[in-house]
Structure formats: C-alpha cells, structure tokens
Protein backbone atom coordinates (compact mmCIF):
# COMPACT_ATOMS: atom_id res chain seq x y z
CA MET A 1 -211.61 42.52 14.52
CA ILE A 2 -213.18 40.85 11.46
CA PRO A 3 -216.34 42.69 10.42
CA ASP A 4 -219.67 41.16 9.48
CA GLY A 5 -219.83 40.49 5.75
CA ASP A 6 -216.12 39.66 5.60
CA PHE A 7 -215.17 37.43 2.67
CA LEU A 8 -213.17 34.88 4.67
CA ARG A 9 -215.98 34.51 7.18
CA ARG A 10 -218.45 33.91 4.36
CA LEU A 11 -216.06 31.39 2.81
CA GLN A 12 -215.66 29.51 6.09
CA GLU A 13 -219.40 29.35 6.71
CA ALA A 14 -220.13 28.09 3.17
CA TYR A 15 -217.30 25.54 2.97
CA PRO A 16 -219.05 22.49 4.57
CA GLY A 17 -221.85 22.59 2.00
CA LEU A 18 -219.71 23.11 -1.11
CA ALA A 19 -219.28 20.59 -3.91
CA PRO A 20 -215.78 19.02 -4.16
CA VAL A 21 -214.65 21.21 -7.08
CA PHE A 22 -215.74 24.32 -5.18
CA ARG A 23 -213.94 23.08 -2.07
CA LYS A 24 -210.76 22.80 -4.10
CA LEU A 25 -211.09 26.40 -5.23
CA ALA A 26 -212.08 27.57 -1.75
CA ALA A 27 -209.02 25.94 -0.23
CA TYR A 28 -206.74 27.67 -2.75
CA ILE A 29 -208.30 31.09 -2.14
CA ALA A 30 -208.18 30.68 1.64
CA GLU A 31 -204.43 29.99 1.44
CA ASN A 32 -203.66 32.59 -1.24
CA TYR A 33 -206.33 35.28 -0.95
CA ARG A 34 -203.77 38.09 -0.97
CA GLN A 35 -202.74 37.07 -4.46
CA ALA A 36 -206.25 36.09 -5.56
CA ALA A 37 -207.46 39.61 -4.86
CA PHE A 38 -205.64 40.87 -7.97
CA LEU A 39 -206.10 37.94 -10.36
CA SER A 40 -208.52 37.69 -13.25
CA SER A 41 -211.02 34.82 -13.25
CA ARG A 42 -208.89 32.94 -15.79
CA GLN A 43 -205.69 33.48 -13.82
CA LEU A 44 -207.36 32.29 -10.63
CA ALA A 45 -208.78 29.24 -12.38
CA ALA A 46 -205.34 28.30 -13.75
CA ARG A 47 -203.62 28.63 -10.40
CA ALA A 48 -206.31 26.72 -8.52
CA GLY A 49 -206.50 23.96 -11.15
CA VAL A 50 -210.18 24.47 -12.02
CA SER A 51 -212.07 25.81 -15.03
CA PRO A 52 -212.90 29.53 -15.49
CA ALA A 53 -216.59 28.59 -15.44
CA THR A 54 -216.08 27.05 -12.00
CA VAL A 55 -214.66 30.33 -10.71
CA VAL A 56 -217.72 32.23 -11.91
CA ARG A 57 -220.15 29.68 -10.47
CA PHE A 58 -218.18 29.69 -7.21
CA ALA A 59 -218.80 33.43 -6.83
CA TRP A 60 -222.52 32.82 -7.32
CA GLU A 61 -222.40 29.96 -4.83
CA LEU A 62 -221.07 32.35 -2.19
CA GLY A 63 -223.86 34.81 -2.91
CA TYR A 64 -221.99 37.37 -5.01
CA SER A 65 -223.40 38.80 -8.24
CA GLY A 66 -220.30 37.69 -10.14
CA PHE A 67 -216.55 37.26 -10.03
CA ALA A 68 -215.86 41.02 -9.93
CA ALA A 69 -218.03 41.41 -6.84
CA MET A 70 -216.27 38.50 -5.13
CA ARG A 71 -212.83 39.90 -5.94
CA ALA A 72 -213.89 43.30 -4.58
CA ALA A 73 -214.94 41.57 -1.35
CA ILE A 74 -211.52 39.91 -1.09
CA GLN A 75 -209.85 43.29 -1.57
CA GLU A 76 -212.01 44.80 1.15
CA ARG A 77 -210.79 42.04 3.46
CA LEU A 78 -207.21 42.97 2.63
CA ASN A 79 -207.89 46.57 3.66
CA PHE A 80 -207.89 45.45 7.26
CA GLU A 81 -204.47 43.88 7.29
CA LEU A 82 -202.02 44.91 4.55
CA THR A 83 -199.17 47.19 5.60
CA ALA A 84 -197.59 49.61 3.14
CA THR A 85 -194.60 47.27 2.84
CA GLU A 86 -196.83 44.30 2.08
CA ARG A 87 -198.75 46.27 -0.54
CA LEU A 88 -195.53 47.18 -2.30
CA HIS A 89 -194.34 43.55 -2.27
CA LEU A 90 -197.74 42.37 -3.47
CA VAL A 91 -197.92 44.60 -6.52
CA ARG A 92 -194.27 44.01 -7.30
CA ASP A 93 -194.53 40.23 -7.16
CA GLY A 94 -198.03 39.87 -8.58
CA GLY A 95 -196.90 38.77 -12.02
CA GLN A 96 -199.31 41.12 -13.80
CA PRO A 97 -198.55 41.84 -17.48
CA LEU A 98 -199.37 45.57 -17.39
CA PRO A 99 -197.00 48.16 -15.85
CA LEU A 100 -197.95 49.18 -12.32
CA SER A 101 -198.44 52.83 -13.28
CA ARG A 102 -201.00 51.89 -15.92
CA ARG A 103 -202.81 49.55 -13.52
CA ILE A 104 -203.02 52.34 -10.92
CA ILE A 105 -204.50 54.78 -13.44
CA GLU A 106 -207.00 52.22 -14.71
CA ALA A 107 -208.00 51.34 -11.15
CA ASP A 108 -208.60 55.00 -10.32
CA ILE A 109 -210.73 55.38 -13.46
CA ALA A 110 -212.77 52.36 -12.35
CA ASN A 111 -213.15 53.86 -8.87
CA LEU A 112 -214.43 57.12 -10.37
CA ARG A 113 -217.05 55.16 -12.29
CA LEU A 114 -218.12 53.46 -9.06
CA LEU A 115 -218.33 56.88 -7.43
CA GLN A 116 -220.98 57.95 -9.93
CA ARG A 117 -223.39 55.51 -8.28
CA GLU A 118 -222.89 57.20 -4.91
CA LEU A 119 -223.85 60.57 -6.36
CA VAL A 120 -227.33 59.37 -7.34
CA ASP A 121 -227.90 57.51 -4.08
CA PRO A 122 -230.27 59.20 -1.57
CA ARG A 123 -227.40 59.18 0.92
CA PHE A 124 -225.61 61.84 -1.14
CA ASP A 125 -228.57 64.19 -0.72
CA LEU A 126 -228.68 63.50 3.02
CA PHE A 127 -224.94 64.10 3.35
CA VAL A 128 -225.04 67.46 1.54
CA SER A 129 -228.10 68.56 3.50
CA ALA A 130 -226.29 67.81 6.77
CA VAL A 131 -223.27 69.83 5.61
CA CYS A 132 -225.47 72.81 4.66
CA GLN A 133 -227.68 72.86 7.75
CA ALA A 134 -225.14 72.37 10.56
CA ASP A 135 -224.10 75.36 12.66
CA ARG A 136 -220.48 74.19 12.63
CA VAL A 137 -218.68 71.49 10.66
CA LEU A 138 -215.61 69.66 11.98
CA VAL A 139 -213.81 67.57 9.36
CA VAL A 140 -211.50 64.87 10.74
CA GLY A 141 -208.90 63.13 8.58
CA LEU A 142 -205.75 61.56 9.98
CA ARG A 143 -202.44 60.37 8.55
CA PHE A 144 -202.51 60.07 4.74
CA LEU A 145 -206.04 61.51 4.74
CA ARG A 146 -204.81 64.79 6.23
CA PRO A 147 -204.70 66.60 2.84
CA LEU A 148 -208.22 65.39 2.04
CA ALA A 149 -209.59 66.81 5.31
CA GLU A 150 -207.77 70.09 4.75
CA TYR A 151 -209.04 70.31 1.16
CA PHE A 152 -212.60 69.58 2.29
CA ALA A 153 -212.50 72.22 5.04
CA TYR A 154 -210.77 74.83 2.86
CA SER A 155 -213.23 74.38 -0.02
CA LEU A 156 -216.35 74.21 2.14
CA ASN A 157 -215.25 77.32 4.03
CA LYS A 158 -215.52 79.21 0.73
CA VAL A 159 -219.30 78.74 0.64
CA ARG A 160 -220.25 78.61 4.34
CA PRO A 161 -218.75 79.68 7.69
CA GLY A 162 -217.91 77.58 10.73
CA VAL A 163 -215.76 74.91 9.09
CA ARG A 164 -212.52 73.51 10.50
CA ALA A 165 -210.24 70.58 9.75
CA VAL A 166 -208.73 68.31 12.41
CA THR A 167 -205.73 66.36 11.19
CA VAL A 168 -203.97 65.33 14.42
CA ALA A 169 -205.59 63.14 17.08
CA ASP A 170 -204.64 64.47 20.49
CA SER A 171 -206.53 65.56 23.58
CA THR A 172 -207.52 68.88 21.98
CA VAL A 173 -209.83 67.00 19.58
CA PHE A 174 -211.82 65.65 22.51
CA ASP A 175 -211.81 69.12 24.07
CA GLU A 176 -213.42 70.45 20.91
CA LEU A 177 -215.96 67.63 20.79
CA GLN A 178 -217.05 68.64 24.27
CA PHE A 179 -218.40 71.91 22.90
CA LEU A 180 -220.13 70.53 19.81
CA THR A 181 -223.90 70.14 20.01
CA GLU A 182 -226.68 68.37 18.15
CA ARG A 183 -226.80 71.37 15.79
CA ASP A 184 -223.20 70.78 14.64
CA LEU A 185 -221.71 68.11 12.38
CA LEU A 186 -218.66 65.86 12.58
CA VAL A 187 -217.35 64.54 9.26
CA LEU A 188 -215.18 61.44 9.69
CA ILE A 189 -212.87 60.53 6.81
CA ALA A 190 -211.68 56.98 7.38
CA PHE A 191 -209.87 54.71 4.93
CA ALA A 192 -207.95 51.50 5.42
CA ARG A 193 -205.90 50.94 7.36
CA TYR A 194 -208.30 52.46 9.87
CA PRO A 195 -206.56 54.26 12.77
CA ARG A 196 -207.89 53.51 16.24
CA ASP A 197 -207.92 57.27 16.90
CA ILE A 198 -210.65 57.87 14.32
CA LEU A 199 -212.82 55.25 16.01
CA ALA A 200 -212.29 56.87 19.40
CA ILE A 201 -213.34 60.25 17.97
CA GLY A 202 -216.43 58.76 16.36
CA ARG A 203 -217.37 56.93 19.56
CA ARG A 204 -217.02 60.08 21.65
CA ALA A 205 -219.13 62.09 19.21
CA ALA A 206 -221.86 59.45 19.35
CA GLU A 207 -221.80 59.57 23.15
CA ARG A 208 -222.21 63.35 22.97
CA ARG A 209 -225.07 62.99 20.45
CA VAL A 210 -223.13 65.00 17.90
CA PRO A 211 -224.35 64.14 14.37
CA VAL A 212 -221.71 62.19 12.43
CA VAL A 213 -221.37 61.56 8.69
CA ALA A 214 -218.56 59.58 7.11
CA ILE A 215 -216.56 59.37 3.92
CA THR A 216 -214.99 55.93 3.78
CA ASP A 217 -213.85 53.23 1.39
CA SER A 218 -215.92 50.18 2.27
CA ARG A 219 -219.28 49.08 3.61
CA LEU A 220 -217.23 47.07 6.10
CA SER A 221 -215.65 50.25 7.48
CA PRO A 222 -215.56 50.30 11.30
CA VAL A 223 -216.72 53.96 11.44
CA LEU A 224 -220.15 53.18 9.97
CA PRO A 225 -221.80 52.37 13.33
CA PHE A 226 -221.17 55.99 14.41
CA ALA A 227 -222.42 57.62 11.20
CA ARG A 228 -225.98 58.65 10.43
CA CYS A 229 -225.02 58.81 6.77
CA HIS A 230 -221.98 57.65 4.80
CA LEU A 231 -220.57 57.86 1.27
CA ILE A 232 -218.16 55.38 -0.32
CA ALA A 233 -215.14 56.35 -2.41
CA LYS A 234 -212.71 53.58 -3.21
CA SER A 235 -208.99 53.97 -2.55
CA GLU A 236 -207.04 51.55 -4.68
CA LEU A 237 -204.92 48.82 -3.09
CA LEU A 238 -202.38 48.90 -5.90
CA ASP A 239 -200.42 51.87 -4.56
CA PHE A 240 -198.82 51.63 -1.15
CA ALA A 241 -199.27 55.35 -0.41
CA GLY A 242 -203.05 55.32 -0.90
CA SER A 243 -204.91 56.95 -3.79
CA LEU A 244 -207.04 60.02 -3.11
CA VAL A 245 -208.38 60.40 -6.65
CA ALA A 246 -211.95 59.19 -6.06
CA PRO A 247 -212.20 60.68 -2.52
CA MET A 248 -211.04 64.08 -3.80
CA ALA A 249 -213.64 63.94 -6.58
CA LEU A 250 -216.32 63.09 -4.01
CA VAL A 251 -215.37 66.04 -1.80
CA ASN A 252 -215.47 68.31 -4.86
CA CYS A 253 -219.00 67.10 -5.66
CA ILE A 254 -220.17 67.59 -2.06
CA VAL A 255 -218.82 71.14 -1.83
CA SER A 256 -220.10 72.12 -5.28
CA GLU A 257 -223.58 70.81 -4.51
CA ALA A 258 -223.51 72.56 -1.13
CA GLY A 259 -222.61 75.83 -2.84
CA LEU A 260 -225.58 75.50 -5.18
CA ARG A 261 -227.99 74.78 -2.35
CA LEU A 262 -226.73 77.63 -0.20
CA GLY A 263 -227.43 79.96 -3.12
CA GLU A 264 -227.09 83.70 -2.49
CA ALA A 265 -225.40 83.18 0.87
CA ALA A 266 -222.63 81.18 -0.81
CA LEU A 267 -222.28 83.74 -3.61
CA ALA A 268 -222.00 86.60 -1.12
CA ARG A 269 -219.33 84.71 0.83
CA LEU A 270 -217.35 83.94 -2.34
CA GLU A 271 -217.53 87.61 -3.30
CA GLN A 272 -216.04 88.57 0.07
CA PHE A 273 -213.12 86.21 -0.56
CA GLU A 274 -212.62 87.78 -4.00
CA GLU A 275 -212.58 91.28 -2.52
CA ALA A 276 -210.00 90.19 0.05
CA ALA A 277 -207.85 88.61 -2.67
CA GLU A 278 -207.98 91.79 -4.75
CA ALA A 279 -207.17 94.01 -1.78
CA CYS A 280 -204.16 91.83 -0.87
CA GLN A 281 -203.12 91.38 -4.52
CA THR A 282 -203.14 87.64 -3.87
CA TYR A 283 -203.14 86.42 -7.46
CA VAL A 284 -201.11 87.21 -10.55
CA SER A 285 -203.03 88.18 -13.68
CA PRO A 286 -202.07 86.88 -17.16
CA ASP A 287 -200.78 90.37 -17.99
CA GLY A 288 -198.26 90.48 -15.17
CA PRO A 289 -199.49 93.16 -12.72
CA PRO A 290 -201.47 92.05 -9.67
CA ALA A 291 -205.01 90.90 -10.33
CA GLY A 292 -207.51 93.77 -10.33
CA ARG A 293 -205.16 96.27 -12.01
CA ARG A 294 -205.31 96.52 -15.78
CA PRO A 295 -202.15 97.53 -17.65
CA ARG A 296 -202.20 100.91 -19.40
CA LEU A 297 -201.61 100.73 -23.14
CA GLN A 298 -198.63 102.69 -24.40
CA GLY A 299 -198.66 104.59 -27.68
CA GLY A 300 -201.31 104.42 -30.41
CA ASN A 301 -204.51 106.42 -30.23
CA GLY A 302 -205.60 105.18 -26.86
CA PRO A 303 -205.91 107.44 -23.78
C-alpha cells in the first residue's frame, strides 16, 4: 500500500510537465531514491549531473518548501519498505564522510528539535486531555516499540490509575478491546515498519467506538485514519534497530503535563507510591542503609 502524499507518487504525477533538466534529475531519483534519501543537495546534484540550484528548484517544483522537506519525504517513503538488513547496508555503503555514530546522534538531536513543534501544536493539548480524562488507558506498542509502551504505561500509572501496556498482539488484546467503552482510551504507538497487527487493533477499536490516539513517526502513517488525535516523533532511519530518543522524550512530556493537570490527585498517588517504597525499603540511600532510615552518628557530642 502506497499512501496518499507519497513522494514517488508525487514524482510520477509531476513528471510529464517537468522541464528537461528536471526530468533528468527526476529519473535519477526514481532509480536511486534509497541513496538520495541521505544525500546533501550538492551530493545529489553531482550524482545526477545537474547543478545544486537545479536540485533546490526541483524541490520547489514538486511543491516542497525546500530540499530538506523533499528529502524528508523521500525518507518517509523508505519507512514503508526498508528491512533492518537493508538499512544496515544502506548506511554502511552510503559513502558519507562522518562516522555513523556521529550521524545517528546528530539525527536524534535534529528529531528532538522537530519534536518541539509538536509540543506547541493544539494536538498536544488534545492528546494530554484525552489521557487525563479517560476512565482507563490501554497503551499498545509492538516489537521494538515494546519498551516505549511499557515506559509510557509505567510512568503514567504513577499519576493516574487504570493504565496498562499491551506489547504482544494475540487474541487477548481483542478480548480486552471488547470491554473498553467510549469513556476509555486506546493509545497506539506505531512506527515504521508498521506491523499489520497494530492496524487490526486500531480498526477493531474504531469499530467499537473506542477513542484512539496515536504516537507515530510520519503523517503518512497507516494508523492515522483510526486516531482522533496524533503526535509525531521521528525515529531515525540511520540505525537499523530503530531510535527511541525522540519518542521517549515525547512520552516524558505527555506524562509530565498530565501530572501537572491532574494536580492534587496525581500528588496523592505519587505519595502513596513513595510510602510503599519506604515500607518495602525499595531504594538505597546515599548513606548506605535503606531509604527512610537515617544513620546514627557515632561519637562526638551528638545524642
């Protein structure tokens, strides 16, 4: 399935009306878009045999705000098809001058900057409101997103009750959906490559009229038709395992904002967790004895 807004579809539709120099560039990108997704404008121009200015104007011709926006669209297209093996081959054979580890860190920093825009979007307010107001919250994250779903559920459970993570797609998930109502909330976490199971869960929730919100990595994500509200956090293509840096930061922001909005109820719940931790001597204090017990001073004039 190729989604609406896909780069290659846009390229195909625009091709008949392009000037010859743009057709030359379009033909190169169509044949080599996997490599083009990680090239600079100058590198792409050199490989396609056109000028850097042509590359920039080509992006405008296709309706993008600039080269960076066009390259991001190409990368979103790759999200639908690259396997982990292909990603590893791609970054290994890309011919980039910087070490891979540095490129991964810089990409994550860029993704965090992009995330800042999501936090001031009205959708962020709607998302947090849904999380605060629902009777129960079911957070679904499969495969490499399992730790993100568990982190979300664990953290949110600290400030409100009725939160659970689902990290395995089997029949019990659909059993649980059967008992959710319009007062509950399903949080879908879906990143490329998108598992069919997450779509089936979203579709079933929509059929049951269960409110759905989504955390995903692209506005082309196939879970968006099921979601009343969604937030975007990019997961970089440069690492074959999948980066959770920006998604983790987003979850942290959601839970922190939810805690503030829930106010005294969240504080009371956190205090209960602290009392339980002290009673069970869960944590170690800097002084050595279990947290909650202060060491007695020996000698001197003290008691």
